[in-house]
PDB file of N, CA and C in Angstrom:
ATOM      1  N   MET A   1      90.235  76.301 105.021  1.00  0.00           N
ATOM      2  CA  MET A   1      91.582  77.112 104.366  1.00  0.00           C
ATOM      3  C   MET A   1      91.142  77.925 103.643  1.00  0.00           C
ATOM      4  N   THR A   2      91.895  79.229 103.715  1.00  0.00           N
ATOM      5  CA  THR A   2      91.239  80.033 102.627  1.00  0.00           C
ATOM      6  C   THR A   2      92.067  80.697 102.168  1.00  0.00           C
ATOM      7  N   ALA A   3      91.952  80.927 100.776  1.00  0.00           N
ATOM      8  CA  ALA A   3      92.992  81.274  99.760  1.00  0.00           C
ATOM      9  C   ALA A   3      93.848  82.799 100.087  1.00  0.00           C
ATOM     10  N   LYS A   4      95.120  82.362  99.497  1.00  0.00           N
ATOM     11  CA  LYS A   4      95.701  84.055  99.700  1.00  0.00           C
ATOM     12  C   LYS A   4      96.162  84.212  98.490  1.00  0.00           C
ATOM     13  N   LYS A   5      95.967  85.416  98.242  1.00  0.00           N
ATOM     14  CA  LYS A   5      96.053  86.226  96.963  1.00  0.00           C
ATOM     15  C   LYS A   5      97.416  86.540  96.833  1.00  0.00           C
ATOM     16  N   LYS A   6      97.947  86.233  95.777  1.00  0.00           N
ATOM     17  CA  LYS A   6      99.452  86.383  95.090  1.00  0.00           C
ATOM     18  C   LYS A   6      99.508  88.393  95.095  1.00  0.00           C
ATOM     19  N   SER A   7     100.694  88.257  95.333  1.00  0.00           N
ATOM     20  CA  SER A   7     100.454  90.026  95.670  1.00  0.00           C
ATOM     21  C   SER A   7     101.792  90.053  94.214  1.00  0.00           C
ATOM     22  N   LYS A   8     101.338  91.347  93.579  1.00  0.00           N
ATOM     23  CA  LYS A   8     102.241  91.596  92.348  1.00  0.00           C
ATOM     24  C   LYS A   8     103.815  92.528  92.933  1.00  0.00           C
ATOM     25  N   LYS A   9     104.854  92.079  91.862  1.00  0.00           N
ATOM     26  CA  LYS A   9     105.759  92.459  92.049  1.00  0.00           C
ATOM     27  C   LYS A   9     105.626  94.173  91.979  1.00  0.00           C
ATOM     28  N   LYS A  10     106.320  95.404  92.947  1.00  0.00           N
ATOM     29  CA  LYS A  10     105.980  96.756  92.345  1.00  0.00           C
ATOM     30  C   LYS A  10     107.772  96.918  91.528  1.00  0.00           C
ATOM     31  N   ARG A  11     108.652  96.426  91.942  1.00  0.00           N
ATOM     32  CA  ARG A  11     109.762  96.527  90.993  1.00  0.00           C
ATOM     33  C   ARG A  11     110.369  95.240  90.702  1.00  0.00           C
ATOM     34  N   ILE A  12     111.723  95.186  89.571  1.00  0.00           N
ATOM     35  CA  ILE A  12     112.200  94.468  89.404  1.00  0.00           C
ATOM     36  C   ILE A  12     113.535  95.080  89.937  1.00  0.00           C
ATOM     37  N   TYR A  13     114.890  93.986  89.888  1.00  0.00           N
ATOM     38  CA  TYR A  13     116.305  94.754  89.871  1.00  0.00           C
ATOM     39  C   TYR A  13     117.007  93.928  89.011  1.00  0.00           C
ATOM     40  N   ASN A  14     117.581  94.841  88.351  1.00  0.00           N
ATOM     41  CA  ASN A  14     119.071  94.238  87.023  1.00  0.00           C
ATOM     42  C   ASN A  14     119.866  94.105  87.223  1.00  0.00           C
ATOM     43  N   PRO A  15     120.570  92.952  87.529  1.00  0.00           N
ATOM     44  CA  PRO A  15     121.568  92.823  88.237  1.00  0.00           C
ATOM     45  C   PRO A  15     122.918  93.391  87.468  1.00  0.00           C
ATOM     46  N   VAL A  16     122.998  93.651  85.952  1.00  0.00           N
ATOM     47  CA  VAL A  16     123.915  94.336  85.707  1.00  0.00           C
ATOM     48  C   VAL A  16     123.912  95.856  85.275  1.00  0.00           C
ATOM     49  N   THR A  17     123.063  96.692  85.226  1.00  0.00           N
ATOM     50  CA  THR A  17     123.149  97.778  85.955  1.00  0.00           C
ATOM     51  C   THR A  17     122.806  97.983  87.213  1.00  0.00           C
ATOM     52  N   LYS A  18     122.514  97.162  88.316  1.00  0.00           N
ATOM     53  CA  LYS A  18     122.396  97.240  89.529  1.00  0.00           C
ATOM     54  C   LYS A  18     121.154  98.027  90.177  1.00  0.00           C
ATOM     55  N   LYS A  19     120.337  98.060  89.463  1.00  0.00           N
ATOM     56  CA  LYS A  19     119.277  99.321  89.725  1.00  0.00           C
ATOM     57  C   LYS A  19     117.600  98.634  89.529  1.00  0.00           C
ATOM     58  N   TYR A  20     116.938  99.102  90.173  1.00  0.00           N
ATOM     59  CA  TYR A  20     115.527  98.655  90.516  1.00  0.00           C
ATOM     60  C   TYR A  20     114.850  99.326  89.182  1.00  0.00           C
ATOM     61  N   TYR A  21     113.758  98.723  88.569  1.00  0.00           N
ATOM     62  CA  TYR A  21     112.748  99.171  87.904  1.00  0.00           C
ATOM     63  C   TYR A  21     111.160  98.931  88.030  1.00  0.00           C
ATOM     64  N   SER A  22     110.289 100.202  88.112  1.00  0.00           N
ATOM     65  CA  SER A  22     109.234 100.051  88.474  1.00  0.00           C
ATOM     66  C   SER A  22     108.395  99.191  87.924  1.00  0.00           C
ATOM     67  N   ILE A  23     107.374  98.561  87.684  1.00  0.00           N
ATOM     68  CA  ILE A  23     106.438  97.813  87.200  1.00  0.00           C
ATOM     69  C   ILE A  23     104.865  98.642  87.218  1.00  0.00           C
ATOM     70  N   ARG A  24     103.897  98.336  86.569  1.00  0.00           N
ATOM     71  CA  ARG A  24     102.962  99.136  86.060  1.00  0.00           C
ATOM     72  C   ARG A  24     102.137  97.710  86.894  1.00  0.00           C
ATOM     73  N   GLN A  25     101.029  98.396  87.643  1.00  0.00           N
ATOM     74  CA  GLN A  25     100.095  97.342  88.386  1.00  0.00           C
ATOM     75  C   GLN A  25      99.135  96.775  87.698  1.00  0.00           C
ATOM     76  N   ARG A  26      98.496  97.988  87.141  1.00  0.00           N
ATOM     77  CA  ARG A  26      97.400  97.266  86.379  1.00  0.00           C
ATOM     78  C   ARG A  26      97.410  98.392  84.621  1.00  0.00           C
ATOM     79  N   THR A  27      96.539  97.448  84.223  1.00  0.00           N
ATOM     80  CA  THR A  27      96.614  97.812  82.490  1.00  0.00           C
ATOM     81  C   THR A  27      95.457  99.279  82.952  1.00  0.00           C
ATOM     82  N   THR A  28      96.068 100.323  82.029  1.00  0.00           N
ATOM     83  CA  THR A  28      95.178 101.378  81.852  1.00  0.00           C
ATOM     84  C   THR A  28      95.374 101.832  80.567  1.00  0.00           C
ATOM     85  N   LYS A  29      95.385 103.552  80.056  1.00  0.00           N
ATOM     86  CA  LYS A  29      95.168 103.760  78.807  1.00  0.00           C
ATOM     87  C   LYS A  29      96.630 104.226  78.505  1.00  0.00           C
ATOM     88  N   TYR A  30      97.563 104.322  79.473  1.00  0.00           N
ATOM     89  CA  TYR A  30      98.892 104.254  79.058  1.00  0.00           C
ATOM     90  C   TYR A  30      99.878 103.260  78.829  1.00  0.00           C
ATOM     91  N   GLY A  31      99.353 101.892  79.355  1.00  0.00           N
ATOM     92  CA  GLY A  31      99.804 100.941  79.183  1.00  0.00           C
ATOM     93  C   GLY A  31      99.369  99.809  79.786  1.00  0.00           C
ATOM     94  N   ARG A  32     100.021  98.685  79.255  1.00  0.00           N
ATOM     95  CA  ARG A  32      99.419  96.968  79.851  1.00  0.00           C
ATOM     96  C   ARG A  32     100.058  97.010  81.032  1.00  0.00           C
ATOM     97  N   ALA A  33      99.723  96.120  82.034  1.00  0.00           N
ATOM     98  CA  ALA A  33      99.952  95.597  83.317  1.00  0.00           C
ATOM     99  C   ALA A  33     101.522  94.778  83.146  1.00  0.00           C
ATOM    100  N   GLY A  34     102.059  95.067  83.946  1.00  0.00           N
ATOM    101  CA  GLY A  34     103.621  94.153  83.815  1.00  0.00           C
ATOM    102  C   GLY A  34     104.428  94.835  83.336  1.00  0.00           C
ATOM    103  N   GLN A  35     104.220  96.283  82.269  1.00  0.00           N
ATOM    104  CA  GLN A  35     105.633  97.037  81.699  1.00  0.00           C
ATOM    105  C   GLN A  35     106.236  97.481  82.536  1.00  0.00           C
ATOM    106  N   ILE A  36     107.420  97.632  81.953  1.00  0.00           N
ATOM    107  CA  ILE A  36     108.263  98.441  83.063  1.00  0.00           C
ATOM    108  C   ILE A  36     107.948 100.133  82.890  1.00  0.00           C
ATOM    109  N   LYS A  37     107.868 101.044  84.034  1.00  0.00           N
ATOM    110  CA  LYS A  37     107.667 102.567  84.104  1.00  0.00           C
ATOM    111  C   LYS A  37     108.935 102.996  83.968  1.00  0.00           C
ATOM    112  N   GLY A  38     109.798 102.660  84.752  1.00  0.00           N
ATOM    113  CA  GLY A  38     111.015 103.458  84.638  1.00  0.00           C
ATOM    114  C   GLY A  38     111.435 103.173  85.979  1.00  0.00           C
ATOM    115  N   LEU A  39     112.878 103.942  86.384  1.00  0.00           N
ATOM    116  CA  LEU A  39     113.715 103.626  87.681  1.00  0.00           C
ATOM    117  C   LEU A  39     112.502 103.912  88.740  1.00  0.00           C
ATOM    118  N   TRP A  40     112.795 102.736  89.555  1.00  0.00           N
ATOM    119  CA  TRP A  40     111.985 102.960  90.637  1.00  0.00           C
ATOM    120  C   TRP A  40     112.636 103.721  91.750  1.00  0.00           C
ATOM    121  N   SER A  41     111.841 104.449  92.745  1.00  0.00           N
ATOM    122  CA  SER A  41     112.432 105.734  93.535  1.00  0.00           C
ATOM    123  C   SER A  41     111.814 105.255  94.671  1.00  0.00           C
ATOM    124  N   TYR A  42     112.087 105.448  96.097  1.00  0.00           N
ATOM    125  CA  TYR A  42     111.417 105.431  97.515  1.00  0.00           C
ATOM    126  C   TYR A  42     110.660 106.627  97.215  1.00  0.00           C
ATOM    127  N   LYS A  43     109.133 106.501  97.687  1.00  0.00           N
ATOM    128  CA  LYS A  43     108.413 107.798  97.922  1.00  0.00           C
ATOM    129  C   LYS A  43     108.735 107.859  99.882  1.00  0.00           C
ATOM    130  N   LYS A  44     109.233 109.153  99.521  1.00  0.00           N
ATOM    131  CA  LYS A  44     109.410 109.846 101.055  1.00  0.00           C
ATOM    132  C   LYS A  44     107.645 110.049 101.528  1.00  0.00           C
ATOM    133  N   LYS A  45     107.545 109.999 102.778  1.00  0.00           N
ATOM    134  CA  LYS A  45     106.120 111.014 103.237  1.00  0.00           C
ATOM    135  C   LYS A  45     106.900 112.098 103.851  1.00  0.00           C
ATOM    136  N   LYS A  46     105.877 113.281 103.635  1.00  0.00           N
ATOM    137  CA  LYS A  46     106.253 114.618 104.235  1.00  0.00           C
ATOM    138  C   LYS A  46     105.988 114.453 105.365  1.00  0.00           C
ATOM    139  N   LYS A  47     106.747 115.467 106.209  1.00  0.00           N
ATOM    140  CA  LYS A  47     105.930 116.048 107.778  1.00  0.00           C
ATOM    141  C   LYS A  47     105.193 116.945 107.249  1.00  0.00           C
ATOM    142  N   GLY A  48     104.242 116.716 108.751  1.00  0.00           N
ATOM    143  CA  GLY A  48     103.296 117.913 108.532  1.00  0.00           C
ATOM    144  C   GLY A  48     102.169 117.924 109.003  1.00  0.00           C
TER     145      GLY A  48
END
């Protein structure tokens, strides 16, 4: 049996404001993993 890696959440939902917030995936010089970075937005792929 192989162990599955637990995936981290990339966003969390706030039911009061009805908005999603992006979560820092790893610790960097800008902050620790798990911190809220700001509003989550969908990244569109460019055609070309």
